[in-house]
Amino acid sequence: MFELMVEKTFDAAHYLEGYNGKCSRMHGHTYRVQLCVAGPNLDPKFGMLMDFKDMKHALNSVVEQLDHRILNDVVKFQPTTEQMAKFFYDQLLPNIPKNVTLKKVVLWENPTNCAIYTPD
């Protein structure tokens, strides 16, 4: 099995509506998002599972929707790190070739805290 991963950083703000704690107030993060794909077979001509260029393009298309935005204004759910990791997964899935599996999305909200979304 082969796995590939690309990552990108972006800045965004959010607040957790109704939450009893500091995160109920507007605050920002420099997020780091990682896209991981997997598959058993490489393209016979190029020896690649998937082109890194295509992975980065897919990831950039989602990040562009969120970068320097207030996440609460962009998504229709409570923008926790867990929910945002799933959002990335759902947005990325249509851009992944059928012979490759979108294995997981890892979303870091700071250097020590992350959420990982993997499909069932």
PDB file of N, CA and C in Angstrom:
ATOM      1  N   MET A   1       0.853  -1.180   0.000  1.00  0.00           N
ATOM      2  CA  MET A   1       0.000   0.000   0.000  1.00  0.00           C
ATOM      3  C   MET A   1       0.897   1.240   0.000  1.00  0.00           C
ATOM      4  N   PHE A   2       0.563   2.171  -0.853  1.00  0.00           N
ATOM      5  CA  PHE A   2       1.274   3.442  -0.932  1.00  0.00           C
ATOM      6  C   PHE A   2       0.402   4.525  -0.312  1.00  0.00           C
ATOM      7  N   GLU A   3       1.046   5.479   0.353  1.00  0.00           N
ATOM      8  CA  GLU A   3       0.342   6.633   0.905  1.00  0.00           C
ATOM      9  C   GLU A   3       1.091   7.893   0.515  1.00  0.00           C
ATOM     10  N   LEU A   4       0.333   8.931   0.216  1.00  0.00           N
ATOM     11  CA  LEU A   4       0.889  10.240  -0.078  1.00  0.00           C
ATOM     12  C   LEU A   4       0.210  11.263   0.810  1.00  0.00           C
ATOM     13  N   MET A   5       0.959  12.301   1.182  1.00  0.00           N
ATOM     14  CA  MET A   5       0.381  13.349   2.011  1.00  0.00           C
ATOM     15  C   MET A   5       0.902  14.701   1.531  1.00  0.00           C
ATOM     16  N   VAL A   6      -0.001  15.659   1.465  1.00  0.00           N
ATOM     17  CA  VAL A   6       0.372  17.052   1.229  1.00  0.00           C
ATOM     18  C   VAL A   6      -0.265  17.882   2.337  1.00  0.00           C
ATOM     19  N   GLU A   7       0.301  19.064   2.556  1.00  0.00           N
ATOM     20  CA  GLU A   7      -0.268  19.924   3.593  1.00  0.00           C
ATOM     21  C   GLU A   7      -0.203  21.375   3.181  1.00  0.00           C
ATOM     22  N   LYS A   8      -1.036  22.147   3.843  1.00  0.00           N
ATOM     23  CA  LYS A   8      -1.133  23.580   3.573  1.00  0.00           C
ATOM     24  C   LYS A   8      -1.536  24.274   4.869  1.00  0.00           C
ATOM     25  N   THR A   9      -1.106  25.500   5.032  1.00  0.00           N
ATOM     26  CA  THR A   9      -1.528  26.292   6.188  1.00  0.00           C
ATOM     27  C   THR A   9      -2.437  27.427   5.718  1.00  0.00           C
ATOM     28  N   PHE A  10      -3.301  27.858   6.616  1.00  0.00           N
ATOM     29  CA  PHE A  10      -4.157  29.004   6.348  1.00  0.00           C
ATOM     30  C   PHE A  10      -4.571  29.612   7.679  1.00  0.00           C
ATOM     31  N   ASP A  11      -4.987  30.851   7.627  1.00  0.00           N
ATOM     32  CA  ASP A  11      -5.432  31.568   8.816  1.00  0.00           C
ATOM     33  C   ASP A  11      -6.923  31.811   8.733  1.00  0.00           C
ATOM     34  N   ALA A  12      -7.600  31.588   9.846  1.00  0.00           N
ATOM     35  CA  ALA A  12      -9.041  31.825   9.902  1.00  0.00           C
ATOM     36  C   ALA A  12      -9.449  32.061  11.357  1.00  0.00           C
ATOM     37  N   ALA A  13     -10.589  32.680  11.515  1.00  0.00           N
ATOM     38  CA  ALA A  13     -11.140  32.926  12.846  1.00  0.00           C
ATOM     39  C   ALA A  13     -12.457  32.177  12.977  1.00  0.00           C
ATOM     40  N   HIS A  14     -12.861  31.956  14.212  1.00  0.00           N
ATOM     41  CA  HIS A  14     -14.159  31.337  14.481  1.00  0.00           C
ATOM     42  C   HIS A  14     -14.522  31.548  15.931  1.00  0.00           C
ATOM     43  N   TYR A  15     -15.726  31.152  16.255  1.00  0.00           N
ATOM     44  CA  TYR A  15     -16.191  31.130  17.646  1.00  0.00           C
ATOM     45  C   TYR A  15     -17.155  29.967  17.762  1.00  0.00           C
ATOM     46  N   LEU A  16     -17.287  29.445  18.962  1.00  0.00           N
ATOM     47  CA  LEU A  16     -18.180  28.316  19.199  1.00  0.00           C
ATOM     48  C   LEU A  16     -19.420  28.831  19.910  1.00  0.00           C
ATOM     49  N   GLU A  17     -20.454  29.005  19.129  1.00  0.00           N
ATOM     50  CA  GLU A  17     -21.702  29.576  19.630  1.00  0.00           C
ATOM     51  C   GLU A  17     -22.310  28.669  20.693  1.00  0.00           C
ATOM     52  N   GLY A  18     -22.647  29.274  21.845  1.00  0.00           N
ATOM     53  CA  GLY A  18     -23.280  28.537  22.925  1.00  0.00           C
ATOM     54  C   GLY A  18     -22.319  27.749  23.802  1.00  0.00           C
ATOM     55  N   TYR A  19     -21.056  27.734  23.463  1.00  0.00           N
ATOM     56  CA  TYR A  19     -20.052  26.997  24.234  1.00  0.00           C
ATOM     57  C   TYR A  19     -19.732  27.769  25.505  1.00  0.00           C
ATOM     58  N   ASN A  20     -19.553  27.075  26.619  1.00  0.00           N
ATOM     59  CA  ASN A  20     -19.245  27.716  27.896  1.00  0.00           C
ATOM     60  C   ASN A  20     -17.735  27.678  28.106  1.00  0.00           C
ATOM     61  N   GLY A  21     -17.050  28.641  27.546  1.00  0.00           N
ATOM     62  CA  GLY A  21     -15.600  28.708  27.688  1.00  0.00           C
ATOM     63  C   GLY A  21     -15.035  29.787  26.777  1.00  0.00           C
ATOM     64  N   LYS A  22     -13.712  29.921  26.815  1.00  0.00           N
ATOM     65  CA  LYS A  22     -13.049  30.971  26.049  1.00  0.00           C
ATOM     66  C   LYS A  22     -13.337  30.897  24.554  1.00  0.00           C
ATOM     67  N   CYS A  23     -13.523  29.701  24.044  1.00  0.00           N
ATOM     68  CA  CYS A  23     -13.723  29.539  22.600  1.00  0.00           C
ATOM     69  C   CYS A  23     -15.072  30.056  22.123  1.00  0.00           C
ATOM     70  N   SER A  24     -15.908  30.507  23.047  1.00  0.00           N
ATOM     71  CA  SER A  24     -17.169  31.119  22.636  1.00  0.00           C
ATOM     72  C   SER A  24     -16.935  32.512  22.068  1.00  0.00           C
ATOM     73  N   ARG A  25     -15.762  33.075  22.360  1.00  0.00           N
ATOM     74  CA  ARG A  25     -15.406  34.384  21.825  1.00  0.00           C
ATOM     75  C   ARG A  25     -14.623  34.212  20.525  1.00  0.00           C
ATOM     76  N   MET A  26     -14.751  35.176  19.644  1.00  0.00           N
ATOM     77  CA  MET A  26     -14.026  35.150  18.376  1.00  0.00           C
ATOM     78  C   MET A  26     -12.529  35.024  18.649  1.00  0.00           C
ATOM     79  N   HIS A  27     -11.903  34.095  17.958  1.00  0.00           N
ATOM     80  CA  HIS A  27     -10.459  33.918  18.053  1.00  0.00           C
ATOM     81  C   HIS A  27      -9.966  33.295  16.755  1.00  0.00           C
ATOM     82  N   GLY A  28      -8.672  33.341  16.535  1.00  0.00           N
ATOM     83  CA  GLY A  28      -8.116  32.846  15.287  1.00  0.00           C
ATOM     84  C   GLY A  28      -7.086  31.755  15.477  1.00  0.00           C
ATOM     85  N   HIS A  29      -6.850  31.043  14.396  1.00  0.00           N
ATOM     86  CA  HIS A  29      -5.840  29.983  14.362  1.00  0.00           C
ATOM     87  C   HIS A  29      -5.063  30.076  13.059  1.00  0.00           C
ATOM     88  N   THR A  30      -3.841  29.634  13.104  1.00  0.00           N
ATOM     89  CA  THR A  30      -3.114  29.305  11.896  1.00  0.00           C
ATOM     90  C   THR A  30      -3.252  27.800  11.759  1.00  0.00           C
ATOM     91  N   TYR A  31      -4.168  27.391  10.923  1.00  0.00           N
ATOM     92  CA  TYR A  31      -4.463  25.974  10.736  1.00  0.00           C
ATOM     93  C   TYR A  31      -3.429  25.342   9.812  1.00  0.00           C
ATOM     94  N   ARG A  32      -3.201  24.067  10.015  1.00  0.00           N
ATOM     95  CA  ARG A  32      -2.383  23.256   9.105  1.00  0.00           C
ATOM     96  C   ARG A  32      -3.235  22.053   8.741  1.00  0.00           C
ATOM     97  N   VAL A  33      -3.503  21.883   7.463  1.00  0.00           N
ATOM     98  CA  VAL A  33      -4.354  20.780   7.021  1.00  0.00           C
ATOM     99  C   VAL A  33      -3.519  19.818   6.183  1.00  0.00           C
ATOM    100  N   GLN A  34      -3.692  18.534   6.458  1.00  0.00           N
ATOM    101  CA  GLN A  34      -2.975  17.488   5.745  1.00  0.00           C
ATOM    102  C   GLN A  34      -3.978  16.571   5.050  1.00  0.00           C
ATOM    103  N   LEU A  35      -3.717  16.308   3.793  1.00  0.00           N
ATOM    104  CA  LEU A  35      -4.532  15.427   2.974  1.00  0.00           C
ATOM    105  C   LEU A  35      -3.726  14.162   2.724  1.00  0.00           C
ATOM    106  N   CYS A  36      -4.288  13.007   3.049  1.00  0.00           N
ATOM    107  CA  CYS A  36      -3.594  11.730   2.881  1.00  0.00           C
ATOM    108  C   CYS A  36      -4.421  10.823   1.983  1.00  0.00           C
ATOM    109  N   VAL A  37      -3.790  10.346   0.907  1.00  0.00           N
ATOM    110  CA  VAL A  37      -4.429   9.387   0.014  1.00  0.00           C
ATOM    111  C   VAL A  37      -3.636   8.085   0.048  1.00  0.00           C
ATOM    112  N   ALA A  38      -4.299   6.994  -0.350  1.00  0.00           N
ATOM    113  CA  ALA A  38      -3.646   5.688  -0.326  1.00  0.00           C
ATOM    114  C   ALA A  38      -4.150   4.848  -1.490  1.00  0.00           C
ATOM    115  N   GLY A  39      -3.344   3.871  -1.845  1.00  0.00           N
ATOM    116  CA  GLY A  39      -3.741   2.923  -2.883  1.00  0.00           C
ATOM    117  C   GLY A  39      -2.651   1.891  -3.104  1.00  0.00           C
ATOM    118  N   PRO A  40      -3.034   0.729  -3.615  1.00  0.00           N
ATOM    119  CA  PRO A  40      -2.068  -0.352  -3.787  1.00  0.00           C
ATOM    120  C   PRO A  40      -1.308  -0.305  -5.108  1.00  0.00           C
ATOM    121  N   ASN A  41      -1.823   0.453  -6.094  1.00  0.00           N
ATOM    122  CA  ASN A  41      -1.244   0.392  -7.438  1.00  0.00           C
ATOM    123  C   ASN A  41      -0.766   1.755  -7.919  1.00  0.00           C
ATOM    124  N   LEU A  42       0.415   1.748  -8.510  1.00  0.00           N
ATOM    125  CA  LEU A  42       0.965   2.960  -9.104  1.00  0.00           C
ATOM    126  C   LEU A  42       0.633   2.997 -10.587  1.00  0.00           C
ATOM    127  N   ASP A  43       0.521   4.195 -11.106  1.00  0.00           N
ATOM    128  CA  ASP A  43       0.349   4.354 -12.542  1.00  0.00           C
ATOM    129  C   ASP A  43       1.553   3.705 -13.234  1.00  0.00           C
ATOM    130  N   PRO A  44       1.329   2.768 -14.161  1.00  0.00           N
ATOM    131  CA  PRO A  44       2.449   2.042 -14.765  1.00  0.00           C
ATOM    132  C   PRO A  44       3.373   2.922 -15.608  1.00  0.00           C
ATOM    133  N   LYS A  45       2.851   3.996 -16.165  1.00  0.00           N
ATOM    134  CA  LYS A  45       3.672   4.863 -17.015  1.00  0.00           C
ATOM    135  C   LYS A  45       4.577   5.781 -16.200  1.00  0.00           C
ATOM    136  N   PHE A  46       4.014   6.371 -15.113  1.00  0.00           N
ATOM    137  CA  PHE A  46       4.764   7.367 -14.355  1.00  0.00           C
ATOM    138  C   PHE A  46       5.241   6.881 -12.990  1.00  0.00           C
ATOM    139  N   GLY A  47       4.748   5.741 -12.541  1.00  0.00           N
ATOM    140  CA  GLY A  47       5.165   5.229 -11.240  1.00  0.00           C
ATOM    141  C   GLY A  47       4.645   6.046 -10.077  1.00  0.00           C
ATOM    142  N   MET A  48       3.477   6.667 -10.245  1.00  0.00           N
ATOM    143  CA  MET A  48       2.887   7.508  -9.195  1.00  0.00           C
ATOM    144  C   MET A  48       1.544   6.937  -8.773  1.00  0.00           C
ATOM    145  N   LEU A  49       1.229   7.138  -7.502  1.00  0.00           N
ATOM    146  CA  LEU A  49      -0.121   6.849  -7.015  1.00  0.00           C
ATOM    147  C   LEU A  49      -1.063   7.961  -7.476  1.00  0.00           C
ATOM    148  N   MET A  50      -0.647   9.192  -7.235  1.00  0.00           N
ATOM    149  CA  MET A  50      -1.385  10.388  -7.640  1.00  0.00           C
ATOM    150  C   MET A  50      -0.372  11.501  -7.751  1.00  0.00           C
ATOM    151  N   ASP A  51      -0.563  12.405  -8.650  1.00  0.00           N
ATOM    152  CA  ASP A  51       0.364  13.514  -8.829  1.00  0.00           C
ATOM    153  C   ASP A  51       0.222  14.486  -7.655  1.00  0.00           C
ATOM    154  N   PHE A  52       1.339  14.824  -7.007  1.00  0.00           N
ATOM    155  CA  PHE A  52       1.306  15.788  -5.902  1.00  0.00           C
ATOM    156  C   PHE A  52       0.678  17.112  -6.359  1.00  0.00           C
ATOM    157  N   LYS A  53       0.923  17.484  -7.596  1.00  0.00           N
ATOM    158  CA  LYS A  53       0.350  18.722  -8.137  1.00  0.00           C
ATOM    159  C   LYS A  53      -1.172  18.690  -8.052  1.00  0.00           C
ATOM    160  N   ASP A  54      -1.773  17.567  -8.399  1.00  0.00           N
ATOM    161  CA  ASP A  54      -3.235  17.442  -8.346  1.00  0.00           C
ATOM    162  C   ASP A  54      -3.743  17.447  -6.908  1.00  0.00           C
ATOM    163  N   MET A  55      -2.998  16.824  -6.011  1.00  0.00           N
ATOM    164  CA  MET A  55      -3.381  16.836  -4.595  1.00  0.00           C
ATOM    165  C   MET A  55      -3.356  18.259  -4.049  1.00  0.00           C
ATOM    166  N   LYS A  56      -2.287  18.988  -4.369  1.00  0.00           N
ATOM    167  CA  LYS A  56      -2.168  20.366  -3.887  1.00  0.00           C
ATOM    168  C   LYS A  56      -3.259  21.253  -4.470  1.00  0.00           C
ATOM    169  N   HIS A  57      -3.582  21.040  -5.737  1.00  0.00           N
ATOM    170  CA  HIS A  57      -4.643  21.825  -6.368  1.00  0.00           C
ATOM    171  C   HIS A  57      -5.983  21.590  -5.661  1.00  0.00           C
ATOM    172  N   ALA A  58      -6.298  20.333  -5.383  1.00  0.00           N
ATOM    173  CA  ALA A  58      -7.541  20.004  -4.680  1.00  0.00           C
ATOM    174  C   ALA A  58      -7.573  20.653  -3.300  1.00  0.00           C
ATOM    175  N   LEU A  59      -6.470  20.544  -2.568  1.00  0.00           N
ATOM    176  CA  LEU A  59      -6.411  21.118  -1.221  1.00  0.00           C
ATOM    177  C   LEU A  59      -6.507  22.642  -1.276  1.00  0.00           C
ATOM    178  N   ASN A  60      -5.799  23.251  -2.208  1.00  0.00           N
ATOM    179  CA  ASN A  60      -5.846  24.714  -2.330  1.00  0.00           C
ATOM    180  C   ASN A  60      -7.248  25.214  -2.633  1.00  0.00           C
ATOM    181  N   SER A  61      -8.012  24.456  -3.414  1.00  0.00           N
ATOM    182  CA  SER A  61      -9.362  24.900  -3.763  1.00  0.00           C
ATOM    183  C   SER A  61     -10.266  24.972  -2.540  1.00  0.00           C
ATOM    184  N   VAL A  62     -10.030  24.118  -1.558  1.00  0.00           N
ATOM    185  CA  VAL A  62     -10.820  24.179  -0.320  1.00  0.00           C
ATOM    186  C   VAL A  62     -10.285  25.282   0.588  1.00  0.00           C
ATOM    187  N   VAL A  63      -8.981  25.364   0.722  1.00  0.00           N
ATOM    188  CA  VAL A  63      -8.375  26.380   1.592  1.00  0.00           C
ATOM    189  C   VAL A  63      -8.777  27.784   1.141  1.00  0.00           C
ATOM    190  N   GLU A  64      -8.850  28.010  -0.174  1.00  0.00           N
ATOM    191  CA  GLU A  64      -9.219  29.337  -0.683  1.00  0.00           C
ATOM    192  C   GLU A  64     -10.588  29.788  -0.190  1.00  0.00           C
ATOM    193  N   GLN A  65     -11.477  28.845   0.084  1.00  0.00           N
ATOM    194  CA  GLN A  65     -12.814  29.185   0.602  1.00  0.00           C
ATOM    195  C   GLN A  65     -12.755  29.677   2.046  1.00  0.00           C
ATOM    196  N   LEU A  66     -11.682  29.316   2.768  1.00  0.00           N
ATOM    197  CA  LEU A  66     -11.618  29.533   4.215  1.00  0.00           C
ATOM    198  C   LEU A  66     -10.554  30.527   4.662  1.00  0.00           C
ATOM    199  N   ASP A  67      -9.526  30.717   3.865  1.00  0.00           N
ATOM    200  CA  ASP A  67      -8.371  31.516   4.281  1.00  0.00           C
ATOM    201  C   ASP A  67      -8.770  32.963   4.569  1.00  0.00           C
ATOM    202  N   HIS A  68      -8.351  33.428   5.746  1.00  0.00           N
ATOM    203  CA  HIS A  68      -8.628  34.787   6.211  1.00  0.00           C
ATOM    204  C   HIS A  68     -10.123  35.102   6.226  1.00  0.00           C
ATOM    205  N   ARG A  69     -10.885  34.110   6.646  1.00  0.00           N
ATOM    206  CA  ARG A  69     -12.332  34.269   6.767  1.00  0.00           C
ATOM    207  C   ARG A  69     -12.756  33.933   8.192  1.00  0.00           C
ATOM    208  N   ILE A  70     -13.981  34.297   8.519  1.00  0.00           N
ATOM    209  CA  ILE A  70     -14.613  33.860   9.759  1.00  0.00           C
ATOM    210  C   ILE A  70     -15.370  32.591   9.397  1.00  0.00           C
ATOM    211  N   LEU A  71     -14.929  31.471   9.932  1.00  0.00           N
ATOM    212  CA  LEU A  71     -15.487  30.178   9.536  1.00  0.00           C
ATOM    213  C   LEU A  71     -16.991  30.109   9.759  1.00  0.00           C
ATOM    214  N   ASN A  72     -17.487  30.748  10.804  1.00  0.00           N
ATOM    215  CA  ASN A  72     -18.926  30.750  11.089  1.00  0.00           C
ATOM    216  C   ASN A  72     -19.734  31.368   9.945  1.00  0.00           C
ATOM    217  N   ASP A  73     -19.100  32.248   9.168  1.00  0.00           N
ATOM    218  CA  ASP A  73     -19.771  32.878   8.033  1.00  0.00           C
ATOM    219  C   ASP A  73     -19.726  32.018   6.774  1.00  0.00           C
ATOM    220  N   VAL A  74     -18.879  30.993   6.781  1.00  0.00           N
ATOM    221  CA  VAL A  74     -18.671  30.173   5.587  1.00  0.00           C
ATOM    222  C   VAL A  74     -19.420  28.845   5.663  1.00  0.00           C
ATOM    223  N   VAL A  75     -19.398  28.216   6.824  1.00  0.00           N
ATOM    224  CA  VAL A  75     -20.014  26.888   6.966  1.00  0.00           C
ATOM    225  C   VAL A  75     -21.328  26.995   7.735  1.00  0.00           C
ATOM    226  N   LYS A  76     -22.149  25.990   7.596  1.00  0.00           N
ATOM    227  CA  LYS A  76     -23.489  26.010   8.212  1.00  0.00           C
ATOM    228  C   LYS A  76     -23.558  25.128   9.457  1.00  0.00           C
ATOM    229  N   PHE A  77     -22.436  24.923  10.118  1.00  0.00           N
ATOM    230  CA  PHE A  77     -22.369  24.089  11.312  1.00  0.00           C
ATOM    231  C   PHE A  77     -21.395  24.729  12.295  1.00  0.00           C
ATOM    232  N   GLN A  78     -21.359  24.219  13.502  1.00  0.00           N
ATOM    233  CA  GLN A  78     -20.418  24.701  14.515  1.00  0.00           C
ATOM    234  C   GLN A  78     -18.998  24.366  14.039  1.00  0.00           C
ATOM    235  N   PRO A  79     -18.163  25.374  13.760  1.00  0.00           N
ATOM    236  CA  PRO A  79     -16.861  25.113  13.152  1.00  0.00           C
ATOM    237  C   PRO A  79     -15.783  24.652  14.146  1.00  0.00           C
ATOM    238  N   THR A  80     -16.044  23.513  14.768  1.00  0.00           N
ATOM    239  CA  THR A  80     -15.013  22.898  15.600  1.00  0.00           C
ATOM    240  C   THR A  80     -13.947  22.299  14.687  1.00  0.00           C
ATOM    241  N   THR A  81     -12.816  21.991  15.233  1.00  0.00           N
ATOM    242  CA  THR A  81     -11.752  21.377  14.433  1.00  0.00           C
ATOM    243  C   THR A  81     -12.212  20.035  13.876  1.00  0.00           C
ATOM    244  N   GLU A  82     -12.964  19.280  14.674  1.00  0.00           N
ATOM    245  CA  GLU A  82     -13.474  17.983  14.207  1.00  0.00           C
ATOM    246  C   GLU A  82     -14.395  18.156  13.001  1.00  0.00           C
ATOM    247  N   GLN A  83     -15.334  19.088  13.119  1.00  0.00           N
ATOM    248  CA  GLN A  83     -16.289  19.317  12.033  1.00  0.00           C
ATOM    249  C   GLN A  83     -15.594  19.860  10.783  1.00  0.00           C
ATOM    250  N   MET A  84     -14.587  20.697  10.981  1.00  0.00           N
ATOM    251  CA  MET A  84     -13.862  21.259   9.846  1.00  0.00           C
ATOM    252  C   MET A  84     -13.015  20.185   9.151  1.00  0.00           C
ATOM    253  N   ALA A  85     -12.485  19.231   9.901  1.00  0.00           N
ATOM    254  CA  ALA A  85     -11.746  18.134   9.272  1.00  0.00           C
ATOM    255  C   ALA A  85     -12.673  17.342   8.348  1.00  0.00           C
ATOM    256  N   LYS A  86     -13.898  17.081   8.799  1.00  0.00           N
ATOM    257  CA  LYS A  86     -14.875  16.370   7.962  1.00  0.00           C
ATOM    258  C   LYS A  86     -15.279  17.231   6.762  1.00  0.00           C
ATOM    259  N   PHE A  87     -15.421  18.524   6.962  1.00  0.00           N
ATOM    260  CA  PHE A  87     -15.725  19.433   5.859  1.00  0.00           C
ATOM    261  C   PHE A  87     -14.667  19.317   4.771  1.00  0.00           C
ATOM    262  N   PHE A  88     -13.403  19.356   5.171  1.00  0.00           N
ATOM    263  CA  PHE A  88     -12.321  19.195   4.201  1.00  0.00           C
ATOM    264  C   PHE A  88     -12.459  17.864   3.464  1.00  0.00           C
ATOM    265  N   TYR A  89     -12.695  16.804   4.199  1.00  0.00           N
ATOM    266  CA  TYR A  89     -12.828  15.479   3.588  1.00  0.00           C
ATOM    267  C   TYR A  89     -13.944  15.490   2.533  1.00  0.00           C
ATOM    268  N   ASP A  90     -15.096  15.987   2.915  1.00  0.00           N
ATOM    269  CA  ASP A  90     -16.250  15.997   2.011  1.00  0.00           C
ATOM    270  C   ASP A  90     -15.991  16.849   0.766  1.00  0.00           C
ATOM    271  N   GLN A  91     -15.304  17.960   0.951  1.00  0.00           N
ATOM    272  CA  GLN A  91     -15.001  18.837  -0.179  1.00  0.00           C
ATOM    273  C   GLN A  91     -13.938  18.235  -1.098  1.00  0.00           C
ATOM    274  N   LEU A  92     -12.990  17.503  -0.519  1.00  0.00           N
ATOM    275  CA  LEU A  92     -11.887  16.929  -1.296  1.00  0.00           C
ATOM    276  C   LEU A  92     -12.282  15.671  -2.061  1.00  0.00           C
ATOM    277  N   LEU A  93     -13.172  14.892  -1.501  1.00  0.00           N
ATOM    278  CA  LEU A  93     -13.502  13.576  -2.060  1.00  0.00           C
ATOM    279  C   LEU A  93     -13.817  13.582  -3.555  1.00  0.00           C
ATOM    280  N   PRO A  94     -14.609  14.519  -4.062  1.00  0.00           N
ATOM    281  CA  PRO A  94     -14.913  14.496  -5.500  1.00  0.00           C
ATOM    282  C   PRO A  94     -13.689  14.712  -6.399  1.00  0.00           C
ATOM    283  N   ASN A  95     -12.608  15.243  -5.846  1.00  0.00           N
ATOM    284  CA  ASN A  95     -11.408  15.526  -6.630  1.00  0.00           C
ATOM    285  C   ASN A  95     -10.343  14.434  -6.550  1.00  0.00           C
ATOM    286  N   ILE A  96     -10.682  13.315  -5.923  1.00  0.00           N
ATOM    287  CA  ILE A  96      -9.741  12.211  -5.785  1.00  0.00           C
ATOM    288  C   ILE A  96     -10.063  11.156  -6.843  1.00  0.00           C
ATOM    289  N   PRO A  97      -9.072  10.710  -7.614  1.00  0.00           N
ATOM    290  CA  PRO A  97      -9.342   9.694  -8.639  1.00  0.00           C
ATOM    291  C   PRO A  97      -9.955   8.429  -8.046  1.00  0.00           C
ATOM    292  N   LYS A  98     -10.737   7.747  -8.843  1.00  0.00           N
ATOM    293  CA  LYS A  98     -11.464   6.550  -8.379  1.00  0.00           C
ATOM    294  C   LYS A  98     -10.532   5.418  -7.943  1.00  0.00           C
ATOM    295  N   ASN A  99      -9.325   5.358  -8.486  1.00  0.00           N
ATOM    296  CA  ASN A  99      -8.400   4.279  -8.129  1.00  0.00           C
ATOM    297  C   ASN A  99      -7.576   4.604  -6.882  1.00  0.00           C
ATOM    298  N   VAL A 100      -7.862   5.740  -6.254  1.00  0.00           N
ATOM    299  CA  VAL A 100      -7.127   6.193  -5.060  1.00  0.00           C
ATOM    300  C   VAL A 100      -8.147   6.404  -3.946  1.00  0.00           C
ATOM    301  N   THR A 101      -7.766   6.071  -2.719  1.00  0.00           N
ATOM    302  CA  THR A 101      -8.631   6.262  -1.555  1.00  0.00           C
ATOM    303  C   THR A 101      -8.218   7.514  -0.794  1.00  0.00           C
ATOM    304  N   LEU A 102      -9.179   8.377  -0.502  1.00  0.00           N
ATOM    305  CA  LEU A 102      -8.918   9.497   0.400  1.00  0.00           C
ATOM    306  C   LEU A 102      -8.923   8.903   1.801  1.00  0.00           C
ATOM    307  N   LYS A 103      -7.739   8.692   2.341  1.00  0.00           N
ATOM    308  CA  LYS A 103      -7.592   7.948   3.593  1.00  0.00           C
ATOM    309  C   LYS A 103      -7.992   8.773   4.808  1.00  0.00           C
ATOM    310  N   LYS A 104      -7.494  10.013   4.867  1.00  0.00           N
ATOM    311  CA  LYS A 104      -7.799  10.839   6.039  1.00  0.00           C
ATOM    312  C   LYS A 104      -7.459  12.291   5.768  1.00  0.00           C
ATOM    313  N   VAL A 105      -8.039  13.136   6.589  1.00  0.00           N
ATOM    314  CA  VAL A 105      -7.699  14.552   6.641  1.00  0.00           C
ATOM    315  C   VAL A 105      -7.321  14.844   8.089  1.00  0.00           C
ATOM    316  N   VAL A 106      -6.190  15.490   8.264  1.00  0.00           N
ATOM    317  CA  VAL A 106      -5.719  15.897   9.591  1.00  0.00           C
ATOM    318  C   VAL A 106      -5.727  17.426   9.611  1.00  0.00           C
ATOM    319  N   LEU A 107      -6.405  17.993  10.590  1.00  0.00           N
ATOM    320  CA  LEU A 107      -6.483  19.443  10.709  1.00  0.00           C
ATOM    321  C   LEU A 107      -5.923  19.867  12.060  1.00  0.00           C
ATOM    322  N   TRP A 108      -4.826  20.586  12.007  1.00  0.00           N
ATOM    323  CA  TRP A 108      -4.170  21.115  13.211  1.00  0.00           C
ATOM    324  C   TRP A 108      -4.654  22.529  13.447  1.00  0.00           C
ATOM    325  N   GLU A 109      -5.130  22.825  14.670  1.00  0.00           N
ATOM    326  CA  GLU A 109      -5.534  24.194  14.974  1.00  0.00           C
ATOM    327  C   GLU A 109      -4.396  24.964  15.638  1.00  0.00           C
ATOM    328  N   ASN A 110      -3.414  24.253  16.124  1.00  0.00           N
ATOM    329  CA  ASN A 110      -2.185  24.844  16.659  1.00  0.00           C
ATOM    330  C   ASN A 110      -1.129  23.727  16.647  1.00  0.00           C
ATOM    331  N   PRO A 111       0.090  23.994  17.069  1.00  0.00           N
ATOM    332  CA  PRO A 111       1.130  22.964  16.960  1.00  0.00           C
ATOM    333  C   PRO A 111       0.891  21.689  17.774  1.00  0.00           C
ATOM    334  N   THR A 112      -0.028  21.726  18.738  1.00  0.00           N
ATOM    335  CA  THR A 112      -0.202  20.548  19.598  1.00  0.00           C
ATOM    336  C   THR A 112      -1.596  19.910  19.557  1.00  0.00           C
ATOM    337  N   ASN A 113      -2.563  20.532  18.874  1.00  0.00           N
ATOM    338  CA  ASN A 113      -3.934  20.016  18.849  1.00  0.00           C
ATOM    339  C   ASN A 113      -4.409  19.786  17.434  1.00  0.00           C
ATOM    340  N   CYS A 114      -4.883  18.577  17.157  1.00  0.00           N
ATOM    341  CA  CYS A 114      -5.416  18.303  15.822  1.00  0.00           C
ATOM    342  C   CYS A 114      -6.619  17.382  15.913  1.00  0.00           C
ATOM    343  N   ALA A 115      -7.391  17.387  14.822  1.00  0.00           N
ATOM    344  CA  ALA A 115      -8.498  16.449  14.652  1.00  0.00           C
ATOM    345  C   ALA A 115      -8.227  15.677  13.370  1.00  0.00           C
ATOM    346  N   ILE A 116      -8.540  14.399  13.398  1.00  0.00           N
ATOM    347  CA  ILE A 116      -8.345  13.528  12.236  1.00  0.00           C
ATOM    348  C   ILE A 116      -9.702  12.976  11.832  1.00  0.00           C
ATOM    349  N   TYR A 117     -10.028  13.134  10.549  1.00  0.00           N
ATOM    350  CA  TYR A 117     -11.248  12.525  10.036  1.00  0.00           C
ATOM    351  C   TYR A 117     -10.891  11.419   9.055  1.00  0.00           C
ATOM    352  N   THR A 118     -11.416  10.234   9.313  1.00  0.00           N
ATOM    353  CA  THR A 118     -11.300   9.105   8.401  1.00  0.00           C
ATOM    354  C   THR A 118     -12.709   8.574   8.168  1.00  0.00           C
ATOM    355  N   PRO A 119     -12.991   8.100   6.964  1.00  0.00           N
ATOM    356  CA  PRO A 119     -14.341   7.568   6.730  1.00  0.00           C
ATOM    357  C   PRO A 119     -14.534   6.260   7.458  1.00  0.00           C
ATOM    358  N   ASP A 120     -15.787   5.879   7.681  1.00  0.00           N
ATOM    359  CA  ASP A 120     -16.097   4.614   8.348  1.00  0.00           C
ATOM    360  C   ASP A 120     -15.622   3.428   7.543  1.00  0.00           C
TER     361      ASP A 120
END
